[in-house]
Protein backbone atom coordinates (compact mmCIF):
# COMPACT_ATOMS: atom_id res chain seq x y z
CA MET A 1 80.93 74.58 133.99
CA LYS A 2 82.82 77.86 133.60
CA ILE A 3 85.11 76.29 131.03
CA LEU A 4 82.14 75.36 128.87
CA TRP A 5 80.84 78.93 128.99
CA ILE A 6 84.26 80.30 128.11
CA ALA A 7 84.56 77.86 125.21
CA LEU A 8 81.11 78.82 123.98
CA LEU A 9 81.86 82.56 124.15
CA ALA A 10 85.20 82.02 122.41
CA ALA A 11 83.51 80.12 119.59
CA ILE A 12 80.90 82.87 119.17
CA ALA A 13 83.61 85.55 119.18
CA TRP A 14 85.55 83.56 116.52
CA ARG A 15 82.39 83.39 114.39
CA MET A 16 81.84 87.14 114.74
CA ILE A 17 85.44 88.00 113.80
CA PHE A 18 86.11 85.50 111.00
CA GLY A 19 82.59 84.74 109.74
CA ARG A 20 83.04 81.01 110.23
CA TRP A 21 82.92 78.64 113.20
CA PRO A 22 86.33 77.51 114.52
CA TRP A 23 85.72 73.92 113.36
CA GLN A 24 84.95 75.17 109.84
CA THR A 25 88.24 77.08 109.80
CA LEU A 26 90.15 74.02 110.89
CA GLY A 27 88.49 71.86 108.27
CA ILE A 28 86.54 69.58 110.64
CA SER A 29 83.03 70.76 109.90
CA ASN A 30 82.02 67.37 108.41
CA TRP A 31 84.05 65.23 110.76
CA PRO A 32 81.84 62.12 110.92
CA GLU A 33 81.79 61.70 107.11
CA LYS A 34 85.38 62.65 106.25
CA PRO A 35 88.35 62.93 108.58
CA ALA A 36 89.91 66.38 108.76
CA GLN A 37 92.86 66.89 106.50
CA ARG A 38 94.64 70.06 107.31
CA ARG A 39 96.48 71.37 104.29
CA GLY A 40 99.36 73.78 104.31
CA SER A 41 100.73 76.07 106.92
CA PHE A 42 99.10 78.30 109.49
CA ALA A 43 99.64 81.29 107.17
CA GLU A 44 97.70 79.52 104.46
CA ALA A 45 94.87 78.81 106.86
CA GLU A 46 94.73 82.47 107.93
CA ALA A 47 94.76 83.52 104.25
CA ARG A 48 91.85 81.20 103.50
CA VAL A 49 89.90 82.59 106.43
CA LEU A 50 90.63 86.19 105.43
CA LEU A 51 89.45 85.63 101.86
CA GLY A 52 86.67 83.22 102.84
CA LEU A 53 87.91 80.31 100.72
CA GLU A 54 87.68 76.53 101.04
CA ASP A 55 90.73 74.25 100.91
CA ASP A 56 90.13 73.21 97.32
CA ALA A 57 89.91 76.71 95.83
CA GLY A 58 91.67 77.17 92.52
CA ARG A 59 93.48 80.16 91.04
CA LYS A 60 90.31 81.72 89.61
CA GLU A 61 88.44 81.45 92.96
CA ILE A 62 91.41 82.93 94.84
CA LEU A 63 91.61 85.93 92.51
CA GLU A 64 87.83 86.48 92.62
CA ALA A 65 87.76 86.28 96.41
CA HIS A 66 90.69 88.71 96.58
CA ARG A 67 88.92 91.16 94.29
CA ARG A 68 85.68 90.94 96.36
CA HIS A 69 87.59 91.42 99.60
CA LEU A 70 89.48 94.43 98.23
CA ALA A 71 86.19 96.06 97.26
CA THR A 72 85.22 96.08 100.94
CA VAL A 73 88.56 97.04 102.56
CA HIS A 74 89.90 99.61 100.05
CA PRO A 75 90.78 102.96 101.61
CA ASP A 76 88.37 104.72 99.23
CA ARG A 77 85.56 102.66 100.82
CA GLY A 78 86.51 103.22 104.44
CA GLY A 79 89.15 100.54 104.75
CA SER A 80 92.84 100.97 105.45
CA ASN A 81 96.16 100.38 103.72
CA GLU A 82 96.96 97.65 106.24
CA GLN A 83 93.82 95.73 105.25
CA VAL A 84 94.76 96.01 101.57
CA HIS A 85 98.28 94.77 102.32
CA ALA A 86 96.85 91.85 104.30
CA ALA A 87 94.53 90.92 101.43
CA ASN A 88 97.40 91.07 98.93
CA ALA A 89 99.60 88.93 101.20
CA ALA A 90 96.79 86.37 101.58
CA ARG A 91 96.37 86.23 97.82
CA ASP A 92 100.12 85.82 97.27
CA THR A 93 100.36 83.12 99.96
CA LEU A 94 97.53 81.08 98.48
CA LEU A 95 98.76 81.40 94.88
CA ALA A 96 102.27 80.35 95.95
CA ALA A 97 100.83 77.33 97.78
CA LEU A 98 98.79 76.44 94.72
CA GLU A 99 101.90 76.56 92.51
CA ARG A 100 103.87 74.44 95.05
CA SER A 101 101.17 71.80 95.11
CA ALA A 102 101.00 71.76 91.30
CA LYS A 103 104.77 71.16 91.10
CA THR A 104 104.69 68.32 93.60
CA SER A 105 101.74 66.58 91.98
């Protein structure tokens, strides 16, 4: 019974930190209809969570999400340089993955 409570609290904490449920982050939110297909590396998954993007986001969506995220974490608005660097790294990771998938397709 304690394990269930710990799992529940961990899921709620994940939701509070990342803004999504753990199963949404892992791509299994609609599991009965469509099997989960995890794309890319762990770094790509973290970048998608940071910018709040779905797996099928294109270049335009990535850049818009990056711009929106920067507006909230910029040092002039109470954020930090580390948050800006993380947002830039997330954008670069996702754009590089997008280019890699375009070359292999």
